[in-house]
Amino acid sequence: GDVVFHRMQMVGTNSPSSLKYNQVIFKNKYGESTRKWGKMLEGWEAMVVQEEDDVSWFSFDGSEHVTNISYHLSVSGMHEDGGNFVLIGHELYQEPDSFSVIEGQAGNATDALSSYPTYDDNESGEWYFANKTSGNGTEMVYILSDKGKTGWQRKKRAV
């Protein structure tokens, strides 16, 4: 089948502020990519693959132990009813107090899905959290898609 990529941008305020200029690392079954802070963008940018069961694992280089993180992330190509999605994941050393994927949404570990989200069964912003199946720590995987409360805003055109 066709390989679909989506442009991911992470700009704006990040927390803690010490993460601001760190490189970010994306890993998936195809390999690993390190992305430097973009001065003109004032953030990070990467291409992420759309593929069922293939998570783009994301971390801040040198700050893998930090669990209390906040960031604003946008993904292009999420056209309505287009079957578009990405799976973003974090491998964590501790259980966070709460999760919020879409602005205004909040929950804790008891609100998590029991398996990785899929495009067919879940809407944008739904997430999975559990102890890792191998090694120490926990993992959190969320879906961003063209389904449900996406948080995407359509640009208005002048007529």
C-alpha atoms as a PDB file:
ATOM      1  CA  GLY A   1       0.000   0.000   0.000  1.00  0.00           C
ATOM      2  CA  ASP A   2       0.849   3.655  -0.090  1.00  0.00           C
ATOM      3  CA  VAL A   3       3.095   5.152   2.572  1.00  0.00           C
ATOM      4  CA  VAL A   4       1.555   8.268   4.108  1.00  0.00           C
ATOM      5  CA  PHE A   5       3.593  10.844   6.023  1.00  0.00           C
ATOM      6  CA  HIS A   6       2.355  13.780   8.084  1.00  0.00           C
ATOM      7  CA  ARG A   7       4.348  16.891   8.945  1.00  0.00           C
ATOM      8  CA  MET A   8       4.545  17.341  12.691  1.00  0.00           C
ATOM      9  CA  GLN A   9       5.440  20.682  14.292  1.00  0.00           C
ATOM     10  CA  MET A  10       5.956  21.361  17.950  1.00  0.00           C
ATOM     11  CA  VAL A  11       6.069  25.086  18.680  1.00  0.00           C
ATOM     12  CA  GLY A  12       5.123  27.418  21.497  1.00  0.00           C
ATOM     13  CA  THR A  13       5.537  26.970  25.214  1.00  0.00           C
ATOM     14  CA  ASN A  14       6.968  23.716  26.503  1.00  0.00           C
ATOM     15  CA  SER A  15       7.231  22.666  30.091  1.00  0.00           C
ATOM     16  CA  PRO A  16       9.603  22.388  31.808  1.00  0.00           C
ATOM     17  CA  SER A  17      11.392  25.260  30.072  1.00  0.00           C
ATOM     18  CA  SER A  18      14.705  23.355  30.298  1.00  0.00           C
ATOM     19  CA  LEU A  19      13.470  21.185  27.380  1.00  0.00           C
ATOM     20  CA  LYS A  20      13.308  24.154  25.002  1.00  0.00           C
ATOM     21  CA  TYR A  21      16.598  23.705  23.120  1.00  0.00           C
ATOM     22  CA  ASN A  22      17.022  19.960  23.580  1.00  0.00           C
ATOM     23  CA  GLN A  23      16.985  17.754  20.537  1.00  0.00           C
ATOM     24  CA  VAL A  24      13.951  15.503  20.174  1.00  0.00           C
ATOM     25  CA  ILE A  25      14.160  11.866  19.179  1.00  0.00           C
ATOM     26  CA  PHE A  26      11.559   9.990  17.146  1.00  0.00           C
ATOM     27  CA  LYS A  27      11.781   6.202  16.912  1.00  0.00           C
ATOM     28  CA  ASN A  28       9.638   3.701  15.056  1.00  0.00           C
ATOM     29  CA  LYS A  29      10.104   0.252  13.536  1.00  0.00           C
ATOM     30  CA  TYR A  30      12.033   1.802  10.635  1.00  0.00           C
ATOM     31  CA  GLY A  31      14.671   3.544  12.748  1.00  0.00           C
ATOM     32  CA  GLU A  32      15.436   6.636  14.771  1.00  0.00           C
ATOM     33  CA  SER A  33      15.654  10.328  13.876  1.00  0.00           C
ATOM     34  CA  THR A  34      17.066  13.142  15.996  1.00  0.00           C
ATOM     35  CA  ARG A  35      15.634  16.577  15.307  1.00  0.00           C
ATOM     36  CA  LYS A  36      17.368  19.780  16.415  1.00  0.00           C
ATOM     37  CA  TRP A  37      15.593  22.864  17.730  1.00  0.00           C
ATOM     38  CA  GLY A  38      14.663  25.078  14.758  1.00  0.00           C
ATOM     39  CA  LYS A  39      15.544  28.701  15.426  1.00  0.00           C
ATOM     40  CA  MET A  40      13.286  30.133  12.684  1.00  0.00           C
ATOM     41  CA  LEU A  41      10.396  27.827  13.635  1.00  0.00           C
ATOM     42  CA  GLU A  42      11.094  28.253  17.357  1.00  0.00           C
ATOM     43  CA  GLY A  43      10.384  24.577  17.821  1.00  0.00           C
ATOM     44  CA  TRP A  44      10.871  21.161  16.280  1.00  0.00           C
ATOM     45  CA  GLU A  45       9.657  19.653  13.045  1.00  0.00           C
ATOM     46  CA  ALA A  46       9.571  16.073  11.761  1.00  0.00           C
ATOM     47  CA  MET A  47       7.781  13.773   9.345  1.00  0.00           C
ATOM     48  CA  VAL A  48       5.822  10.994  11.036  1.00  0.00           C
ATOM     49  CA  VAL A  49       4.477   7.923   9.298  1.00  0.00           C
ATOM     50  CA  GLN A  50       0.817   6.888   9.283  1.00  0.00           C
ATOM     51  CA  GLU A  51       0.639   3.163   9.831  1.00  0.00           C
ATOM     52  CA  GLU A  52      -1.619   1.008  11.992  1.00  0.00           C
ATOM     53  CA  ASP A  53       0.274  -0.430  14.999  1.00  0.00           C
ATOM     54  CA  ASP A  54       3.377   1.694  14.251  1.00  0.00           C
ATOM     55  CA  VAL A  55       3.962   4.210  17.013  1.00  0.00           C
ATOM     56  CA  SER A  56       6.232   7.233  16.583  1.00  0.00           C
ATOM     57  CA  TRP A  57       7.989   7.109  19.964  1.00  0.00           C
ATOM     58  CA  PHE A  58       8.972  10.601  21.036  1.00  0.00           C
ATOM     59  CA  SER A  59      11.403  11.832  23.708  1.00  0.00           C
ATOM     60  CA  PHE A  60      13.519  14.850  24.585  1.00  0.00           C
ATOM     61  CA  ASP A  61      17.211  13.916  24.299  1.00  0.00           C
ATOM     62  CA  GLY A  62      18.826  13.801  27.736  1.00  0.00           C
ATOM     63  CA  SER A  63      15.510  14.275  29.535  1.00  0.00           C
ATOM     64  CA  GLU A  64      13.962  10.827  29.239  1.00  0.00           C
ATOM     65  CA  HIS A  65      13.502  10.740  33.032  1.00  0.00           C
ATOM     66  CA  VAL A  66      11.189  13.798  32.985  1.00  0.00           C
ATOM     67  CA  THR A  67       7.544  12.730  33.263  1.00  0.00           C
ATOM     68  CA  ASN A  68       5.795  16.070  33.823  1.00  0.00           C
ATOM     69  CA  ILE A  69       5.971  17.490  30.287  1.00  0.00           C
ATOM     70  CA  SER A  70       3.692  19.783  28.326  1.00  0.00           C
ATOM     71  CA  TYR A  71       3.920  20.769  24.680  1.00  0.00           C
ATOM     72  CA  HIS A  72       1.810  21.964  21.753  1.00  0.00           C
ATOM     73  CA  LEU A  73       1.958  19.699  18.727  1.00  0.00           C
ATOM     74  CA  SER A  74       0.260  20.026  15.351  1.00  0.00           C
ATOM     75  CA  VAL A  75       0.083  17.500  12.539  1.00  0.00           C
ATOM     76  CA  SER A  76      -0.729  18.391   8.934  1.00  0.00           C
ATOM     77  CA  GLY A  77      -2.850  16.433   6.508  1.00  0.00           C
ATOM     78  CA  MET A  78      -5.749  15.624   8.825  1.00  0.00           C
ATOM     79  CA  HIS A  79      -8.454  16.215   6.212  1.00  0.00           C
ATOM     80  CA  GLU A  80     -11.973  15.258   7.289  1.00  0.00           C
ATOM     81  CA  ASP A  81     -13.034  11.732   6.348  1.00  0.00           C
ATOM     82  CA  GLY A  82      -9.643  11.057   4.795  1.00  0.00           C
ATOM     83  CA  GLY A  83      -8.626   8.163   7.015  1.00  0.00           C
ATOM     84  CA  ASN A  84      -5.701  10.223   8.344  1.00  0.00           C
ATOM     85  CA  PHE A  85      -4.038   9.538  11.694  1.00  0.00           C
ATOM     86  CA  VAL A  86      -0.744   9.228  13.550  1.00  0.00           C
ATOM     87  CA  LEU A  87       0.166   7.344  16.711  1.00  0.00           C
ATOM     88  CA  ILE A  88       2.502   9.247  19.060  1.00  0.00           C
ATOM     89  CA  GLY A  89       4.023   7.526  22.080  1.00  0.00           C
ATOM     90  CA  HIS A  90       6.094   8.291  25.152  1.00  0.00           C
ATOM     91  CA  GLU A  91       8.108   5.812  27.179  1.00  0.00           C
ATOM     92  CA  LEU A  92       8.043   7.082  30.759  1.00  0.00           C
ATOM     93  CA  TYR A  93       9.829   6.107  33.960  1.00  0.00           C
ATOM     94  CA  GLN A  94       6.962   7.118  36.239  1.00  0.00           C
ATOM     95  CA  GLU A  95       3.189   7.347  36.100  1.00  0.00           C
ATOM     96  CA  PRO A  96       2.053  10.912  35.389  1.00  0.00           C
ATOM     97  CA  ASP A  97      -0.647  12.414  37.623  1.00  0.00           C
ATOM     98  CA  SER A  98      -2.847  13.247  34.633  1.00  0.00           C
ATOM     99  CA  PHE A  99      -3.035  13.220  30.839  1.00  0.00           C
ATOM    100  CA  SER A 100      -4.428  15.745  28.379  1.00  0.00           C
ATOM    101  CA  VAL A 101      -4.060  15.135  24.638  1.00  0.00           C
ATOM    102  CA  ILE A 102      -6.661  17.526  23.223  1.00  0.00           C
ATOM    103  CA  GLU A 103      -6.969  20.929  24.926  1.00  0.00           C
ATOM    104  CA  GLY A 104      -9.670  20.834  27.601  1.00  0.00           C
ATOM    105  CA  GLN A 105      -9.481  17.048  27.964  1.00  0.00           C
ATOM    106  CA  ALA A 106      -8.068  15.569  31.180  1.00  0.00           C
ATOM    107  CA  GLY A 107      -7.833  12.162  32.748  1.00  0.00           C
ATOM    108  CA  ASN A 108      -5.639   9.842  34.760  1.00  0.00           C
ATOM    109  CA  ALA A 109      -4.357   6.303  34.187  1.00  0.00           C
ATOM    110  CA  THR A 110      -7.746   4.752  34.979  1.00  0.00           C
ATOM    111  CA  ASP A 111      -9.235   6.550  31.942  1.00  0.00           C
ATOM    112  CA  ALA A 112      -6.828   4.899  29.485  1.00  0.00           C
ATOM    113  CA  LEU A 113      -7.734   2.483  26.699  1.00  0.00           C
ATOM    114  CA  SER A 114      -6.829  -1.185  27.265  1.00  0.00           C
ATOM    115  CA  SER A 115      -4.869  -1.406  23.986  1.00  0.00           C
ATOM    116  CA  TYR A 116      -3.220   0.930  21.494  1.00  0.00           C
ATOM    117  CA  PRO A 117      -5.737   3.201  19.779  1.00  0.00           C
ATOM    118  CA  THR A 118      -6.655   2.430  16.163  1.00  0.00           C
ATOM    119  CA  TYR A 119      -8.210   4.587  13.479  1.00  0.00           C
ATOM    120  CA  ASP A 120     -11.175   2.230  13.098  1.00  0.00           C
ATOM    121  CA  ASP A 121     -12.061   2.056  16.804  1.00  0.00           C
ATOM    122  CA  ASN A 122     -10.967   5.384  18.322  1.00  0.00           C
ATOM    123  CA  GLU A 123     -11.210   9.139  17.895  1.00  0.00           C
ATOM    124  CA  SER A 124      -8.509  11.777  17.983  1.00  0.00           C
ATOM    125  CA  GLY A 125      -7.173  12.360  21.483  1.00  0.00           C
ATOM    126  CA  GLU A 126      -7.881   8.890  22.883  1.00  0.00           C
ATOM    127  CA  TRP A 127      -4.927   7.259  24.579  1.00  0.00           C
ATOM    128  CA  TYR A 128      -3.452   4.080  26.010  1.00  0.00           C
ATOM    129  CA  PHE A 129      -1.323   3.881  29.154  1.00  0.00           C
ATOM    130  CA  ALA A 130       0.188   0.827  30.862  1.00  0.00           C
ATOM    131  CA  ASN A 131       3.330  -0.720  32.231  1.00  0.00           C
ATOM    132  CA  LYS A 132       5.730  -1.559  29.421  1.00  0.00           C
ATOM    133  CA  THR A 133       5.654  -5.158  28.277  1.00  0.00           C
ATOM    134  CA  SER A 134       9.460  -5.323  28.300  1.00  0.00           C
ATOM    135  CA  GLY A 135      11.833  -3.449  30.585  1.00  0.00           C
ATOM    136  CA  ASN A 136      11.000  -0.927  33.275  1.00  0.00           C
ATOM    137  CA  GLY A 137       8.648   2.011  33.167  1.00  0.00           C
ATOM    138  CA  THR A 138       5.396   2.822  31.461  1.00  0.00           C
ATOM    139  CA  GLU A 139       4.219   3.758  28.001  1.00  0.00           C
ATOM    140  CA  MET A 140       1.576   6.178  26.781  1.00  0.00           C
ATOM    141  CA  VAL A 141       0.312   6.131  23.177  1.00  0.00           C
ATOM    142  CA  TYR A 142      -2.219   8.564  21.735  1.00  0.00           C
ATOM    143  CA  ILE A 143      -3.906   8.952  18.376  1.00  0.00           C
ATOM    144  CA  LEU A 144      -4.337  12.182  16.446  1.00  0.00           C
ATOM    145  CA  SER A 145      -6.768  11.776  13.563  1.00  0.00           C
ATOM    146  CA  ASP A 146      -9.483  13.348  11.463  1.00  0.00           C
ATOM    147  CA  LYS A 147     -12.176  11.733  13.657  1.00  0.00           C
ATOM    148  CA  GLY A 148     -13.901  13.202  16.719  1.00  0.00           C
ATOM    149  CA  LYS A 149     -12.948  16.359  18.576  1.00  0.00           C
ATOM    150  CA  THR A 150      -9.737  17.002  16.740  1.00  0.00           C
ATOM    151  CA  GLY A 151      -8.915  20.476  17.982  1.00  0.00           C
ATOM    152  CA  TRP A 152      -8.093  21.346  14.366  1.00  0.00           C
ATOM    153  CA  GLN A 153      -9.555  24.602  13.193  1.00  0.00           C
ATOM    154  CA  ARG A 154     -10.465  25.185   9.564  1.00  0.00           C
ATOM    155  CA  LYS A 155      -9.094  28.316   7.959  1.00  0.00           C
ATOM    156  CA  LYS A 156     -11.857  30.674   6.914  1.00  0.00           C
ATOM    157  CA  ARG A 157     -11.734  31.884   3.338  1.00  0.00           C
ATOM    158  CA  ALA A 158     -12.709  35.367   2.243  1.00  0.00           C
ATOM    159  CA  VAL A 159     -15.565  35.345  -0.262  1.00  0.00           C
END
